[in-house]
Amino acid sequence: MFQNSPSAPRAGGLTASPLITRNAGDSPVPLGPHPVSLHTIRFTGSGSEYFRIWIVNLLLTLVTLGLYYPWAKVRKLQYFYGNTVVIGHTLAFHGEPKKMLRGFLLVSLLMLTYGVAGRVSPTAGAVAGLILAAIWPALMRASLQFRLAQTSWRGLRFHFTGSLKDAYMVFLKPILVSLGVVLLSVIVAAMLPRALSGIFVALIAIGGMVCLGPYMLWRIKRYQHQHYALGQLQTSFKATFGDMLRIFLKTGLLSVVAVTGMVILCGLLFAAVGMNQVLSSKPDMRQLMSWSGLLVPAMVIAYILITQVIQGPYFSSRMQNLVWTQTGNRLVRFKSHLGWGELAWLALKNWLLVALTLGLYWPFAAIALARARLQAIVIHTRQDPDLLLAQANQTTSDASGDLAADLIGIDVGL
């Protein structure tokens, strides 16, 4: 949530009122002691406009063997940001492709070195992997700093306040916890009978795999969302590890149910066809084999449906709702209401149309997905946006701009 710095003046304008004031044309609704304005984010992009940008970006990236990628990304971000309307004003992206090219080349070189080292020898690959892992937190922080410093709203740049130490602690603490659990499990397993030690180690391994992913993602999201800032206003993040773990567990349970249902359905259909042939007076084995040949495509389609239409939309909608609803402060907060059914239907439609058009529907799908995600977010403000912006401007200097100039343009999509 946005937090005022200790030296910031106390927010004014929070007069007692039993009403929420919404956007123009909405009627006031009773809620609490302070006036709260609700502002839905609007996205005005269109698939036909973005198609022209996307096709040019794709062709030039292919022709230049990937070197045009930073220019393509700037054009994409400028279009998406320029069509994202926040409280009556659009966002803007100011990144320079030449600066982003340096960061792109650096990351590409690191990944290429890691890939080549792995082919030379396992030892060289392990060393390169350790080096890449050692600098990854710094790259993550630089990416967040660059993206926020190049984004503005009403002429004021955002910035990222997370420290380099905190970036390393995001990854270091889960690693230390994992090593501690492994060491403790080895000690305990050595004290147990051989028949029980294997079961104990297996349970610890399964529990570790189930918890480590959600724990790491929770730490990354917390690092990101509690260090976004606009002027003196900074966010905090109130979601707990338990909140994130529940989403993972529910997604896993949903996946198990979906897979079980698909397997049972395919088995029943195959059994019905086989039984029909067996009971037939003239069984046709070629027809039975042709039905058997359809089993693999059916399983592929079932996998796509489970992962992209059921599992993916559920996880994405619940994660967005959790992360953004727990981001904000006493003056500004966010609420996300992205529905699983809405996202699942959109995913199904997008996948079908992308497949039918051999990929040409992709930019239209990207626009539809961005609109659904952005317009599901509502901004709650307990102070007039103009006053908030004025307060943010009071303590804002050119530090963010200087910081952006010092960065090498790393933007790895974080």
Protein backbone atom coordinates (compact mmCIF):
# COMPACT_ATOMS: atom_id res chain seq x y z
CA MET A 1 0.00 0.00 0.00
CA PHE A 2 1.15 3.52 -0.62
CA GLN A 3 2.91 4.85 2.44
CA ASN A 4 3.88 8.47 3.01
CA SER A 5 7.51 9.05 3.90
CA PRO A 6 8.14 10.10 7.54
CA SER A 7 8.78 13.71 6.53
CA ALA A 8 5.68 13.95 4.36
CA PRO A 9 2.82 16.20 5.49
CA ARG A 10 -0.29 14.43 6.74
CA ALA A 11 -2.92 13.91 4.08
CA GLY A 12 -5.60 16.50 4.04
CA GLY A 13 -9.12 16.42 2.76
CA LEU A 14 -10.16 13.34 4.76
CA THR A 15 -13.30 14.92 6.17
CA ALA A 16 -15.84 12.71 7.84
CA SER A 17 -18.50 11.51 5.47
CA PRO A 18 -20.70 8.42 5.36
CA LEU A 19 -20.54 8.24 1.59
CA ILE A 20 -18.39 6.81 -1.16
CA THR A 21 -18.12 9.16 -4.13
CA ARG A 22 -17.73 7.27 -7.37
CA ASN A 23 -16.84 8.42 -10.88
CA ALA A 24 -19.01 11.00 -12.57
CA GLY A 25 -22.56 9.80 -13.06
CA ASP A 26 -22.49 7.26 -10.23
CA SER A 27 -24.63 7.72 -7.13
CA PRO A 28 -23.03 7.84 -3.66
CA VAL A 29 -23.13 4.64 -1.63
CA PRO A 30 -22.84 4.51 2.20
CA LEU A 31 -19.63 2.90 3.44
CA GLY A 32 -17.50 4.52 6.15
CA PRO A 33 -16.26 7.67 7.83
CA HIS A 34 -14.10 8.94 4.96
CA PRO A 35 -14.99 9.71 1.32
CA VAL A 36 -13.67 7.05 -1.05
CA SER A 37 -13.61 7.44 -4.83
CA LEU A 38 -13.66 4.36 -7.02
CA HIS A 39 -11.89 4.50 -10.38
CA THR A 40 -11.98 1.60 -12.83
CA ILE A 41 -8.93 1.29 -15.07
CA ARG A 42 -9.90 1.49 -18.73
CA PHE A 43 -8.04 -0.03 -21.69
CA THR A 44 -8.74 1.53 -25.08
CA GLY A 45 -6.46 -0.52 -27.34
CA SER A 46 -7.83 -2.35 -30.36
CA GLY A 47 -6.71 -5.54 -32.03
CA SER A 48 -6.54 -4.03 -35.51
CA GLU A 49 -4.24 -1.21 -34.37
CA TYR A 50 -1.96 -3.50 -32.42
CA PHE A 51 -1.88 -6.01 -35.30
CA ARG A 52 -0.03 -3.48 -37.45
CA ILE A 53 2.53 -2.87 -34.70
CA TRP A 54 2.89 -6.58 -33.98
CA ILE A 55 3.41 -7.70 -37.58
CA VAL A 56 6.06 -5.03 -38.23
CA ASN A 57 7.82 -5.91 -34.96
CA LEU A 58 7.76 -9.61 -35.84
CA LEU A 59 9.14 -9.14 -39.35
CA LEU A 60 11.91 -6.73 -38.33
CA THR A 61 12.92 -8.94 -35.39
CA LEU A 62 13.23 -11.91 -37.74
CA VAL A 63 15.13 -9.95 -40.40
CA THR A 64 17.62 -8.55 -37.85
CA LEU A 65 18.05 -11.95 -36.13
CA GLY A 66 16.59 -10.58 -32.91
CA LEU A 67 18.50 -7.29 -32.68
CA TYR A 68 15.32 -5.28 -33.29
CA TYR A 69 13.75 -6.79 -30.15
CA PRO A 70 14.35 -3.73 -27.88
CA TRP A 71 12.71 -1.41 -30.45
CA ALA A 72 9.83 -3.88 -30.79
CA LYS A 73 9.37 -3.99 -27.03
CA VAL A 74 9.38 -0.18 -26.74
CA ARG A 75 6.73 0.13 -29.45
CA LYS A 76 4.62 -2.53 -27.75
CA LEU A 77 4.90 -0.97 -24.29
CA GLN A 78 4.22 2.52 -25.60
CA TYR A 79 1.03 1.26 -27.25
CA PHE A 80 -0.23 -0.69 -24.24
CA TYR A 81 0.69 2.02 -21.72
CA GLY A 82 -0.68 4.77 -23.93
CA ASN A 83 -4.05 3.00 -24.01
CA THR A 84 -4.24 2.34 -20.27
CA VAL A 85 -6.39 5.07 -18.70
CA VAL A 86 -5.88 5.54 -14.95
CA ILE A 87 -8.20 8.08 -13.30
CA GLY A 88 -8.75 9.92 -16.57
CA HIS A 89 -5.11 9.98 -17.73
CA THR A 90 -3.05 7.47 -19.69
CA LEU A 91 0.26 5.98 -18.64
CA ALA A 92 3.37 6.64 -20.72
CA PHE A 93 6.53 4.64 -21.36
CA HIS A 94 9.76 6.55 -22.02
CA GLY A 95 12.30 3.74 -22.48
CA GLU A 96 15.02 4.26 -25.09
CA PRO A 97 15.65 1.26 -27.37
CA LYS A 98 19.41 1.88 -27.52
CA LYS A 99 19.70 1.62 -23.74
CA MET A 100 17.50 -1.46 -23.72
CA LEU A 101 19.67 -2.99 -26.45
CA ARG A 102 22.66 -3.02 -24.10
CA GLY A 103 20.69 -4.82 -21.43
CA PHE A 104 19.25 -7.23 -23.99
CA LEU A 105 22.71 -8.08 -25.31
CA LEU A 106 24.05 -8.58 -21.79
CA VAL A 107 21.28 -10.98 -20.79
CA SER A 108 21.54 -12.79 -24.15
CA LEU A 109 25.30 -13.18 -23.68
CA LEU A 110 24.82 -14.59 -20.20
CA MET A 111 22.23 -17.11 -21.39
CA LEU A 112 24.39 -18.06 -24.41
CA THR A 113 27.42 -18.57 -22.17
CA TYR A 114 25.38 -20.78 -19.86
CA GLY A 115 24.09 -22.86 -22.79
CA VAL A 116 27.54 -23.28 -24.38
CA ALA A 117 29.18 -24.12 -21.05
CA GLY A 118 26.61 -26.84 -20.43
CA ARG A 119 27.49 -28.44 -23.77
CA VAL A 120 31.23 -28.27 -23.08
CA SER A 121 31.06 -30.12 -19.78
CA PRO A 122 28.67 -30.59 -16.85
CA THR A 123 31.18 -28.87 -14.56
CA ALA A 124 31.44 -25.80 -16.79
CA GLY A 125 27.66 -25.70 -17.05
CA ALA A 126 27.31 -25.89 -13.27
CA VAL A 127 29.82 -23.05 -12.79
CA ALA A 128 28.07 -20.88 -15.40
CA GLY A 129 24.73 -21.66 -13.76
CA LEU A 130 26.05 -20.58 -10.36
CA ILE A 131 27.40 -17.33 -11.82
CA LEU A 132 24.06 -16.62 -13.51
CA ALA A 133 22.18 -17.41 -10.28
CA ALA A 134 24.53 -15.14 -8.33
CA ILE A 135 23.81 -12.09 -10.46
CA TRP A 136 20.13 -12.81 -11.15
CA PRO A 137 18.80 -10.88 -8.10
CA ALA A 138 20.78 -7.82 -9.24
CA LEU A 139 19.33 -8.20 -12.75
CA MET A 140 15.82 -8.49 -11.31
CA ARG A 141 16.24 -5.30 -9.28
CA ALA A 142 17.74 -3.43 -12.24
CA SER A 143 14.82 -4.56 -14.41
CA LEU A 144 12.27 -3.29 -11.89
CA GLN A 145 14.12 0.01 -11.48
CA PHE A 146 14.32 0.53 -15.22
CA ARG A 147 10.68 -0.33 -15.97
CA LEU A 148 9.30 1.88 -13.18
CA ALA A 149 11.67 4.79 -13.90
CA GLN A 150 10.55 4.77 -17.55
CA THR A 151 6.83 4.76 -16.68
CA SER A 152 4.93 7.94 -15.90
CA TRP A 153 1.43 9.10 -15.05
CA ARG A 154 0.44 12.74 -15.57
CA GLY A 155 4.10 13.60 -16.17
CA LEU A 156 5.37 12.10 -12.90
CA ARG A 157 7.72 9.12 -13.08
CA PHE A 158 7.29 6.05 -10.94
CA HIS A 159 10.28 4.53 -9.19
CA PHE A 160 11.28 1.34 -7.42
CA THR A 161 12.71 1.59 -3.89
CA GLY A 162 13.81 -2.01 -3.24
CA SER A 163 17.42 -2.40 -2.14
CA LEU A 164 20.01 -4.75 -3.62
CA LYS A 165 20.34 -6.51 -0.25
CA ASP A 166 16.61 -7.22 -0.14
CA ALA A 167 16.75 -8.52 -3.72
CA TYR A 168 19.33 -11.12 -2.72
CA MET A 169 17.42 -12.01 0.44
CA VAL A 170 14.37 -12.81 -1.71
CA PHE A 171 16.24 -15.85 -3.04
CA LEU A 172 18.81 -16.48 -0.30
CA LYS A 173 16.32 -17.13 2.51
CA PRO A 174 14.38 -19.89 0.66
CA ILE A 175 17.72 -21.50 -0.27
CA LEU A 176 18.91 -21.46 3.34
CA VAL A 177 15.55 -22.78 4.56
CA SER A 178 15.70 -25.60 2.00
CA LEU A 179 19.26 -26.53 2.99
CA GLY A 180 18.25 -26.51 6.65
CA VAL A 181 15.27 -28.77 5.99
CA VAL A 182 17.43 -31.17 3.96
CA LEU A 183 20.09 -31.32 6.67
CA LEU A 184 17.50 -31.85 9.41
CA SER A 185 15.71 -34.55 7.40
CA VAL A 186 18.99 -36.41 6.83
CA ILE A 187 19.74 -36.34 10.55
CA VAL A 188 16.25 -37.51 11.48
CA ALA A 189 16.24 -40.19 8.77
CA ALA A 190 19.53 -41.57 10.12
CA MET A 191 17.91 -42.02 13.52
CA LEU A 192 14.88 -43.88 12.15
CA PRO A 193 14.64 -47.53 11.11
CA ARG A 194 15.52 -48.16 7.49
CA ALA A 195 11.91 -48.98 6.59
CA LEU A 196 10.66 -45.66 7.93
CA SER A 197 13.57 -43.46 6.80
CA GLY A 198 12.70 -43.82 3.11
CA ILE A 199 9.07 -42.88 3.73
CA PHE A 200 10.15 -39.92 5.87
CA VAL A 201 12.56 -38.60 3.22
CA ALA A 202 9.90 -38.99 0.51
CA LEU A 203 7.34 -37.04 2.56
CA ILE A 204 9.88 -34.26 3.24
CA ALA A 205 10.78 -34.08 -0.47
CA ILE A 206 7.12 -33.86 -1.53
CA GLY A 207 6.35 -31.25 1.11
CA GLY A 208 9.40 -29.23 0.11
CA MET A 209 8.44 -29.23 -3.56
CA VAL A 210 4.87 -28.24 -2.72
CA CYS A 211 5.92 -25.32 -0.49
CA LEU A 212 9.13 -24.03 -2.08
CA GLY A 213 7.53 -22.74 -5.30
CA PRO A 214 4.73 -20.77 -3.58
CA TYR A 215 7.18 -19.49 -0.96
CA MET A 216 9.61 -18.21 -3.61
CA LEU A 217 6.85 -16.59 -5.67
CA TRP A 218 5.39 -14.96 -2.55
CA ARG A 219 8.78 -13.44 -1.68
CA ILE A 220 9.24 -12.14 -5.24
CA LYS A 221 5.75 -10.59 -5.33
CA ARG A 222 6.24 -9.07 -1.88
CA TYR A 223 9.56 -7.56 -2.95
CA GLN A 224 7.95 -6.08 -6.05
CA HIS A 225 4.67 -4.80 -4.65
CA GLN A 226 5.94 -3.24 -1.44
CA HIS A 227 8.50 -1.07 -3.24
CA TYR A 228 6.50 0.62 -6.00
CA ALA A 229 6.50 4.39 -5.52
CA LEU A 230 5.17 7.58 -7.07
CA GLY A 231 6.89 10.57 -5.56
CA GLN A 232 6.71 10.19 -1.78
CA LEU A 233 3.93 7.60 -1.95
CA GLN A 234 5.08 3.98 -1.62
CA THR A 235 3.20 0.72 -1.68
CA SER A 236 3.08 -2.07 0.86
CA PHE A 237 2.00 -5.68 0.38
CA LYS A 238 -0.16 -7.51 2.93
CA ALA A 239 -0.67 -10.93 1.36
CA THR A 240 0.78 -13.79 3.42
CA PHE A 241 2.56 -16.96 2.37
CA GLY A 242 -0.52 -18.88 3.49
CA ASP A 243 -2.68 -16.90 1.04
CA MET A 244 -0.38 -17.82 -1.84
CA LEU A 245 -0.04 -21.45 -0.76
CA ARG A 246 -3.84 -21.85 -0.76
CA ILE A 247 -3.99 -20.71 -4.40
CA PHE A 248 -1.35 -23.29 -5.37
CA LEU A 249 -3.12 -26.07 -3.46
CA LYS A 250 -6.52 -25.23 -4.93
CA THR A 251 -5.01 -25.07 -8.43
CA GLY A 252 -3.38 -28.46 -7.90
CA LEU A 253 -6.64 -29.97 -6.63
CA LEU A 254 -8.51 -28.51 -9.59
CA SER A 255 -5.92 -29.99 -11.95
CA VAL A 256 -6.26 -33.44 -10.37
CA VAL A 257 -10.03 -33.32 -10.71
CA ALA A 258 -9.81 -32.11 -14.32
CA VAL A 259 -7.24 -34.76 -15.31
CA THR A 260 -9.26 -37.51 -13.62
CA GLY A 261 -12.40 -36.39 -15.41
CA MET A 262 -10.66 -36.26 -18.81
CA VAL A 263 -9.08 -39.71 -18.34
CA ILE A 264 -12.41 -41.24 -17.31
CA LEU A 265 -14.18 -39.62 -20.27
CA CYS A 266 -11.57 -40.79 -22.79
CA GLY A 267 -11.59 -44.27 -21.23
CA LEU A 268 -15.36 -44.54 -21.43
CA LEU A 269 -15.41 -43.42 -25.08
CA PHE A 270 -12.66 -45.85 -26.03
CA ALA A 271 -14.35 -48.67 -24.11
CA ALA A 272 -17.68 -47.93 -25.77
CA VAL A 273 -16.12 -48.09 -29.24
CA GLY A 274 -14.29 -51.33 -28.38
CA MET A 275 -17.40 -52.94 -26.90
CA ASN A 276 -19.42 -51.98 -29.97
CA GLN A 277 -16.88 -53.72 -32.19
CA VAL A 278 -16.77 -56.80 -29.96
CA LEU A 279 -20.56 -57.15 -29.97
CA SER A 280 -20.78 -56.52 -33.69
CA SER A 281 -21.44 -59.52 -35.92
CA LYS A 282 -18.61 -58.37 -38.20
CA PRO A 283 -15.94 -56.66 -36.10
CA ASP A 284 -13.84 -54.20 -38.08
CA MET A 285 -10.35 -54.14 -36.55
CA ARG A 286 -9.23 -51.34 -38.89
CA GLN A 287 -11.99 -49.10 -37.53
CA LEU A 288 -10.95 -50.00 -33.99
CA MET A 289 -7.32 -49.11 -34.77
CA SER A 290 -8.39 -45.81 -36.32
CA TRP A 291 -10.23 -44.97 -33.12
CA SER A 292 -7.09 -45.94 -31.18
CA GLY A 293 -5.11 -43.53 -33.34
CA LEU A 294 -7.37 -40.70 -32.22
CA LEU A 295 -6.45 -41.33 -28.60
CA VAL A 296 -3.16 -39.38 -28.78
CA PRO A 297 -4.69 -36.23 -30.37
CA ALA A 298 -7.51 -36.45 -27.84
CA MET A 299 -5.01 -36.53 -24.99
CA VAL A 300 -3.15 -33.53 -26.47
CA ILE A 301 -6.39 -31.56 -26.73
CA ALA A 302 -7.29 -32.60 -23.19
CA TYR A 303 -3.89 -31.41 -21.95
CA ILE A 304 -4.36 -28.02 -23.62
CA LEU A 305 -7.86 -27.67 -22.17
CA ILE A 306 -6.67 -28.55 -18.67
CA THR A 307 -3.59 -26.33 -18.62
CA GLN A 308 -4.67 -23.38 -20.76
CA VAL A 309 -8.44 -23.19 -20.20
CA ILE A 310 -8.95 -24.62 -16.71
CA GLN A 311 -5.73 -24.55 -14.68
CA GLY A 312 -4.06 -21.45 -16.17
CA PRO A 313 -7.05 -19.06 -16.00
CA TYR A 314 -7.92 -20.18 -12.47
CA PHE A 315 -4.38 -19.61 -11.20
CA SER A 316 -3.96 -16.31 -13.08
CA SER A 317 -7.27 -14.84 -11.93
CA ARG A 318 -6.79 -15.84 -8.30
CA MET A 319 -3.19 -14.64 -8.28
CA GLN A 320 -4.03 -11.24 -9.79
CA ASN A 321 -6.90 -10.76 -7.35
CA LEU A 322 -4.71 -11.65 -4.38
CA VAL A 323 -1.65 -9.62 -5.38
CA TRP A 324 -3.41 -6.40 -6.36
CA THR A 325 -6.11 -6.48 -3.69
CA GLN A 326 -3.33 -6.64 -1.08
CA THR A 327 -1.44 -3.69 -2.61
CA GLY A 328 -2.19 -0.10 -1.61
CA ASN A 329 -2.35 2.12 1.51
CA ARG A 330 -4.69 4.26 3.58
CA LEU A 331 -4.88 6.79 0.75
CA VAL A 332 -4.73 4.58 -2.33
CA ARG A 333 -5.53 0.89 -2.65
CA PHE A 334 -6.42 -1.54 -5.40
CA LYS A 335 -9.16 -4.14 -5.77
CA SER A 336 -9.07 -6.79 -8.46
CA HIS A 337 -12.25 -8.68 -9.46
CA LEU A 338 -11.00 -10.84 -12.32
CA GLY A 339 -13.36 -13.78 -12.77
CA TRP A 340 -12.18 -17.30 -13.46
CA GLY A 341 -15.09 -18.05 -15.81
CA GLU A 342 -14.48 -14.87 -17.81
CA LEU A 343 -10.77 -15.63 -18.19
CA ALA A 344 -11.42 -19.30 -19.02
CA TRP A 345 -13.86 -18.41 -21.82
CA LEU A 346 -11.42 -15.80 -23.15
CA ALA A 347 -8.57 -18.33 -23.11
CA LEU A 348 -10.66 -20.92 -24.97
CA LYS A 349 -11.73 -18.40 -27.61
CA ASN A 350 -8.19 -17.05 -28.04
CA TRP A 351 -6.65 -20.51 -28.42
CA LEU A 352 -9.24 -21.59 -30.98
CA LEU A 353 -8.91 -18.43 -33.08
CA VAL A 354 -5.10 -18.42 -32.88
CA ALA A 355 -5.09 -22.04 -34.10
CA LEU A 356 -7.62 -21.39 -36.89
CA THR A 357 -5.74 -18.31 -38.15
CA LEU A 358 -2.30 -19.97 -37.87
CA GLY A 359 -1.20 -17.43 -35.28
CA LEU A 360 -2.45 -14.25 -36.94
CA TYR A 361 -5.08 -13.72 -34.22
CA TRP A 362 -2.34 -13.44 -31.59
CA PRO A 363 -2.33 -9.60 -31.32
CA PHE A 364 -6.13 -9.55 -31.01
CA ALA A 365 -5.85 -12.16 -28.23
CA ALA A 366 -3.21 -10.05 -26.45
CA ILE A 367 -5.47 -6.98 -26.57
CA ALA A 368 -8.49 -8.92 -25.28
CA LEU A 369 -6.46 -10.40 -22.42
CA ALA A 370 -4.99 -7.02 -21.45
CA ARG A 371 -8.46 -5.44 -21.44
CA ALA A 372 -9.88 -8.19 -19.22
CA ARG A 373 -7.00 -8.00 -16.75
CA LEU A 374 -6.77 -4.21 -16.53
CA GLN A 375 -10.48 -3.43 -16.41
CA ALA A 376 -10.92 -5.90 -13.55
CA ILE A 377 -8.86 -3.57 -11.32
CA VAL A 378 -10.52 -0.76 -9.40
CA ILE A 379 -8.50 1.98 -7.67
CA HIS A 380 -9.85 3.21 -4.31
CA THR A 381 -8.66 6.70 -3.31
CA ARG A 382 -9.38 8.47 -0.03
CA GLN A 383 -8.03 11.74 -1.34
CA ASP A 384 -8.55 13.79 -4.47
CA PRO A 385 -6.13 12.53 -7.18
CA ASP A 386 -4.99 16.09 -7.90
CA LEU A 387 -4.05 16.56 -4.24
CA LEU A 388 -2.26 13.22 -4.19
CA LEU A 389 -0.29 14.20 -7.27
CA ALA A 390 0.56 17.57 -5.76
CA GLN A 391 1.85 15.89 -2.59
CA ALA A 392 3.90 13.46 -4.65
CA ASN A 393 5.41 16.35 -6.63
CA GLN A 394 6.40 18.20 -3.46
CA THR A 395 9.22 15.78 -2.68
CA THR A 396 10.00 14.50 -6.15
CA SER A 397 13.30 15.52 -7.68
CA ASP A 398 15.09 14.32 -10.78
CA ALA A 399 16.53 11.38 -8.87
CA SER A 400 14.37 8.89 -10.74
CA GLY A 401 15.48 10.28 -14.06
CA ASP A 402 19.13 10.18 -13.00
CA LEU A 403 18.70 6.62 -11.82
CA ALA A 404 17.19 5.61 -15.15
CA ALA A 405 20.10 7.21 -16.97
CA ASP A 406 22.57 5.20 -14.90
CA LEU A 407 20.89 1.89 -15.66
CA ILE A 408 21.90 -0.08 -18.72
CA GLY A 409 18.35 -0.67 -19.90
CA ILE A 410 17.81 -4.14 -18.49
CA ASP A 411 14.17 -5.14 -18.81
CA VAL A 412 13.57 -8.85 -18.35
CA GLY A 413 9.81 -8.57 -17.99
CA LEU A 414 9.65 -8.54 -14.19
